[in-house]
């Protein structure tokens, strides 16, 4: 369950970064 939660969190984070399209945020992560 923890793994699924982490996976969903990472997926959501990547999706948000892609939406914003902020290279600075990607470099910060």
N, C-alpha and C. Protein backbone atom coordinates (compact mmCIF):
# COMPACT_ATOMS: atom_id res chain seq x y z
N UNK A 1 0.84 -1.20 0.00
CA UNK A 1 0.00 0.00 0.00
C UNK A 1 0.88 1.26 0.00
N UNK A 2 1.96 1.20 0.76
CA UNK A 2 2.85 2.37 0.81
C UNK A 2 3.46 2.62 -0.56
N UNK A 3 3.81 1.53 -1.24
CA UNK A 3 4.44 1.66 -2.56
C UNK A 3 3.46 2.31 -3.54
N UNK A 4 2.22 1.89 -3.49
CA UNK A 4 1.20 2.45 -4.39
C UNK A 4 1.02 3.93 -4.10
N UNK A 5 1.00 4.27 -2.81
CA UNK A 5 0.84 5.69 -2.43
C UNK A 5 2.01 6.50 -2.96
N UNK A 6 3.21 5.99 -2.79
CA UNK A 6 4.41 6.72 -3.26
C UNK A 6 4.36 6.86 -4.78
N UNK A 7 3.96 5.80 -5.46
CA UNK A 7 3.89 5.84 -6.92
C UNK A 7 2.89 6.89 -7.39
N UNK A 8 1.73 6.93 -6.73
CA UNK A 8 0.71 7.91 -7.11
C UNK A 8 1.22 9.32 -6.84
N UNK A 9 1.92 9.47 -5.74
CA UNK A 9 2.45 10.81 -5.39
C UNK A 9 3.45 11.28 -6.43
N UNK A 10 4.36 10.37 -6.82
CA UNK A 10 5.37 10.72 -7.81
C UNK A 10 4.70 11.04 -9.15
N UNK A 11 3.74 10.20 -9.53
CA UNK A 11 3.04 10.42 -10.80
C UNK A 11 2.34 11.78 -10.80
N UNK A 12 1.69 12.11 -9.69
CA UNK A 12 0.99 13.39 -9.59
C UNK A 12 1.98 14.55 -9.66
N UNK A 13 3.13 14.36 -9.00
CA UNK A 13 4.14 15.42 -8.99
C UNK A 13 4.67 15.65 -10.40
N UNK A 14 4.98 14.56 -11.09
CA UNK A 14 5.51 14.67 -12.45
C UNK A 14 4.46 15.32 -13.36
N UNK A 15 3.20 14.93 -13.17
CA UNK A 15 2.14 15.50 -14.00
C UNK A 15 2.01 17.00 -13.76
N UNK A 16 2.12 17.40 -12.48
CA UNK A 16 2.01 18.82 -12.15
C UNK A 16 3.18 19.59 -12.77
N UNK A 17 4.37 19.01 -12.67
CA UNK A 17 5.55 19.70 -13.22
C UNK A 17 5.42 19.82 -14.73
N UNK A 18 4.88 18.77 -15.36
CA UNK A 18 4.72 18.82 -16.83
C UNK A 18 3.72 19.89 -17.20
N UNK A 19 2.66 20.01 -16.40
CA UNK A 19 1.62 21.01 -16.69
C UNK A 19 2.23 22.41 -16.59
N UNK A 20 2.95 22.64 -15.54
CA UNK A 20 3.57 23.96 -15.35
C UNK A 20 4.70 24.15 -16.37
N UNK A 21 5.39 23.04 -16.68
CA UNK A 21 6.49 23.14 -17.64
C UNK A 21 7.61 23.99 -17.07
N UNK A 22 7.96 23.74 -15.81
CA UNK A 22 9.00 24.55 -15.17
C UNK A 22 10.29 23.73 -15.04
N UNK A 23 11.28 23.99 -15.90
CA UNK A 23 12.56 23.28 -15.83
C UNK A 23 13.23 23.52 -14.48
N UNK A 24 13.02 24.69 -13.90
CA UNK A 24 13.62 25.01 -12.61
C UNK A 24 13.10 24.06 -11.54
N UNK A 25 11.81 23.76 -11.59
CA UNK A 25 11.21 22.86 -10.60
C UNK A 25 11.76 21.45 -10.79
N UNK A 26 11.96 21.06 -12.05
CA UNK A 26 12.49 19.72 -12.32
C UNK A 26 13.91 19.60 -11.77
N UNK A 27 14.69 20.65 -11.95
CA UNK A 27 16.07 20.63 -11.48
C UNK A 27 16.09 20.64 -9.96
N UNK A 28 15.07 21.25 -9.35
CA UNK A 28 15.00 21.34 -7.89
C UNK A 28 14.62 20.00 -7.29
N UNK A 29 13.76 19.24 -7.97
CA UNK A 29 13.27 17.97 -7.44
C UNK A 29 14.39 16.95 -7.27
